[in-house]
């Protein structure tokens, strides 16, 4: 059958439930509705959540104009379901069907005053443009950034966090939480 919207499914169900003529609701019609329902919903087994976090500050050397993978070893935080796996700084979607995910990172960092940093999320090492979060440092105190993206994920898609700096220097990541979950 086919993936359908909620209103399409409700219309089919209303038609089937209102038909009272003997033989009107054939096994094929009722079975077809159930096939459409199964094709259209995300089952509980395909729902999940994974979060990673940096449990101690880490320093990254940035290169002016280059996007750098934040490849610090991260601890596994909350995990719900079996459709995500983590490897140090990567969250991998292992579900068996295409799913829509919300990917997000929240971090605090210190850097040299008056520097520009852009943080990104990436899918399979490709930057997700809509996730860009630009921060210009003002002072040497901690700064924060929050990036998120809603993406379609296929089996074994990998997600990471990157930073682009305006100059070559060090950036000190004080805290970082990276998460992905199905919606």
Protein backbone atom coordinates (compact mmCIF):
# COMPACT_ATOMS: atom_id res chain seq x y z
CA UNK A 1 0.00 0.00 0.00
CA UNK A 2 1.26 3.53 0.67
CA UNK A 3 2.19 6.10 3.30
CA UNK A 4 -0.77 8.40 3.88
CA UNK A 5 -1.57 11.46 5.94
CA UNK A 6 -3.60 11.27 9.14
CA UNK A 7 -6.61 12.89 7.43
CA UNK A 8 -6.47 10.39 4.54
CA UNK A 9 -6.40 7.50 7.02
CA UNK A 10 -9.26 8.99 9.04
CA UNK A 11 -11.36 9.39 5.87
CA UNK A 12 -10.76 5.74 4.93
CA UNK A 13 -11.62 4.57 8.43
CA UNK A 14 -14.82 6.68 8.44
CA UNK A 15 -15.89 5.24 5.10
CA UNK A 16 -15.29 1.68 6.23
CA UNK A 17 -17.01 2.20 9.58
CA UNK A 18 -20.10 3.80 8.01
CA UNK A 19 -20.70 1.12 5.37
CA UNK A 20 -23.41 -1.20 6.55
CA UNK A 21 -24.37 -2.99 3.35
CA UNK A 22 -23.65 -6.69 3.64
CA UNK A 23 -20.33 -7.47 2.01
CA UNK A 24 -19.36 -3.80 1.60
CA UNK A 25 -16.34 -4.09 3.88
CA UNK A 26 -14.34 -6.81 2.22
CA UNK A 27 -11.23 -8.32 3.70
CA UNK A 28 -9.23 -6.49 1.02
CA UNK A 29 -10.65 -3.07 2.02
CA UNK A 30 -10.24 -3.58 5.75
CA UNK A 31 -6.85 -5.23 5.27
CA UNK A 32 -5.81 -2.42 2.96
CA UNK A 33 -6.60 0.12 5.67
CA UNK A 34 -4.42 -1.77 8.12
CA UNK A 35 -1.61 -1.96 5.53
CA UNK A 36 -1.85 1.81 5.04
CA UNK A 37 -1.79 2.36 8.81
CA UNK A 38 1.30 0.18 9.19
CA UNK A 39 3.05 2.00 6.34
CA UNK A 40 2.16 5.43 7.72
CA UNK A 41 3.10 5.29 11.40
CA UNK A 42 6.38 5.09 13.24
CA UNK A 43 6.19 2.05 15.46
CA UNK A 44 7.45 2.13 19.04
CA UNK A 45 10.35 -0.10 18.03
CA UNK A 46 11.44 2.61 15.59
CA UNK A 47 11.43 5.41 18.16
CA UNK A 48 14.50 6.33 20.10
CA UNK A 49 16.78 8.83 21.74
CA UNK A 50 20.54 9.06 22.15
CA UNK A 51 22.60 11.70 23.89
CA UNK A 52 26.33 12.13 24.31
CA UNK A 53 28.16 14.59 26.52
CA UNK A 54 31.66 15.81 27.26
CA UNK A 55 32.36 14.97 30.89
CA UNK A 56 35.49 17.12 31.17
CA UNK A 57 36.66 20.24 29.31
CA UNK A 58 38.55 19.70 26.06
CA UNK A 59 40.67 22.02 23.89
CA UNK A 60 40.51 22.03 20.09
CA UNK A 61 43.01 23.68 17.78
CA UNK A 62 41.13 25.54 15.05
CA UNK A 63 42.48 26.53 11.65
CA UNK A 64 41.27 29.78 10.12
CA UNK A 65 38.58 29.06 7.53
CA UNK A 66 38.60 25.28 8.09
CA UNK A 67 35.71 23.28 9.49
CA UNK A 68 36.98 21.04 12.31
CA UNK A 69 35.24 17.92 13.62
CA UNK A 70 34.72 18.09 17.39
CA UNK A 71 36.07 14.61 17.89
CA UNK A 72 36.45 14.56 21.65
CA UNK A 73 35.60 11.35 23.43
CA UNK A 74 32.07 11.76 24.75
CA UNK A 75 30.25 9.74 27.36
CA UNK A 76 26.92 8.16 26.57
CA UNK A 77 24.08 9.91 28.31
CA UNK A 78 20.45 8.97 27.95
CA UNK A 79 19.54 6.20 25.53
CA UNK A 80 16.03 5.04 24.72
CA UNK A 81 15.34 2.26 22.25
CA UNK A 82 17.73 0.37 20.02
CA UNK A 83 17.81 2.52 16.88
CA UNK A 84 20.86 4.61 17.81
CA UNK A 85 24.44 3.65 18.51
CA UNK A 86 27.30 5.87 19.57
CA UNK A 87 31.00 5.78 18.88
CA UNK A 88 32.89 8.32 20.95
CA UNK A 89 31.69 11.51 19.20
CA UNK A 90 29.30 10.08 16.59
CA UNK A 91 25.63 9.19 16.83
CA UNK A 92 24.57 6.59 14.26
CA UNK A 93 20.96 5.93 13.31
CA UNK A 94 20.52 2.15 13.03
CA UNK A 95 16.74 2.00 12.48
CA UNK A 96 15.48 -0.15 9.63
CA UNK A 97 13.37 2.51 7.93
CA UNK A 98 13.81 6.16 6.98
CA UNK A 99 12.88 8.38 9.90
CA UNK A 100 12.77 12.09 10.72
CA UNK A 101 15.18 13.06 13.49
CA UNK A 102 15.82 16.13 15.57
CA UNK A 103 19.58 16.52 16.01
CA UNK A 104 20.84 19.12 18.50
CA UNK A 105 23.95 20.30 20.31
CA UNK A 106 24.22 22.63 23.29
CA UNK A 107 27.68 23.72 24.28
CA UNK A 108 29.59 26.28 26.29
CA UNK A 109 33.09 27.35 25.34
CA UNK A 110 35.81 29.90 25.96
CA UNK A 111 37.92 31.42 23.26
CA UNK A 112 39.98 34.50 22.56
CA UNK A 113 38.07 37.81 22.60
CA UNK A 114 36.53 39.08 19.32
CA UNK A 115 36.69 35.76 17.47
CA UNK A 116 33.95 34.36 15.28
CA UNK A 117 32.92 30.73 15.58
CA UNK A 118 30.24 28.87 13.64
CA UNK A 119 29.05 25.54 14.97
CA UNK A 120 27.35 23.01 12.72
CA UNK A 121 25.76 19.60 12.81
CA UNK A 122 26.68 17.18 10.05
CA UNK A 123 25.14 14.12 8.46
CA UNK A 124 27.62 11.63 7.00
CA UNK A 125 30.34 14.31 7.22
CA UNK A 126 28.27 16.80 5.20
CA UNK A 127 27.45 20.04 6.98
CA UNK A 128 23.73 20.63 7.57
CA UNK A 129 23.44 24.30 6.59
CA UNK A 130 20.24 24.97 8.57
CA UNK A 131 22.05 24.04 11.79
CA UNK A 132 24.60 26.88 11.62
CA UNK A 133 24.99 28.78 14.88
CA UNK A 134 27.33 31.78 14.78
CA UNK A 135 28.90 33.24 17.91
CA UNK A 136 31.27 36.20 18.21
CA UNK A 137 33.15 36.17 21.51
CA UNK A 138 32.96 39.26 23.68
CA UNK A 139 35.42 38.93 26.55
CA UNK A 140 37.16 35.79 27.77
CA UNK A 141 34.25 34.40 29.78
CA UNK A 142 32.23 31.36 28.70
CA UNK A 143 29.93 31.63 25.70
CA UNK A 144 27.18 29.28 24.65
CA UNK A 145 25.77 27.97 21.39
CA UNK A 146 22.74 25.89 20.49
CA UNK A 147 22.31 24.25 17.09
CA UNK A 148 19.55 21.99 15.85
CA UNK A 149 18.34 20.45 12.63
CA UNK A 150 15.46 18.28 11.52
CA UNK A 151 16.66 15.69 9.03
CA UNK A 152 15.62 12.50 7.29
CA UNK A 153 17.83 9.63 8.35
CA UNK A 154 18.44 6.32 6.63
CA UNK A 155 19.98 3.25 8.21
CA UNK A 156 23.62 3.85 9.25
CA UNK A 157 23.56 7.63 8.77
CA UNK A 158 26.11 9.23 11.12
CA UNK A 159 25.83 12.59 12.86
CA UNK A 160 28.59 14.82 14.28
CA UNK A 161 29.37 18.34 15.49
CA UNK A 162 31.78 20.71 13.69
CA UNK A 163 33.20 24.18 14.29
CA UNK A 164 34.45 26.79 11.82
CA UNK A 165 36.70 29.50 13.28
CA UNK A 166 37.67 32.88 11.86
CA UNK A 167 41.29 32.49 13.03
CA UNK A 168 43.77 29.83 13.97
CA UNK A 169 43.75 29.42 17.75
CA UNK A 170 42.36 27.22 20.50
CA UNK A 171 38.76 26.85 21.56
CA UNK A 172 38.04 25.40 25.01
CA UNK A 173 34.84 23.38 25.12
CA UNK A 174 33.66 23.50 28.73
CA UNK A 175 30.48 21.47 28.28
CA UNK A 176 28.75 19.84 25.35
CA UNK A 177 25.57 17.78 25.03
CA UNK A 178 24.82 16.23 21.64
CA UNK A 179 21.52 14.43 21.04
CA UNK A 180 19.33 12.83 18.40
CA UNK A 181 15.79 11.55 18.64
CA UNK A 182 12.97 10.48 16.39
CA UNK A 183 9.93 12.69 15.95
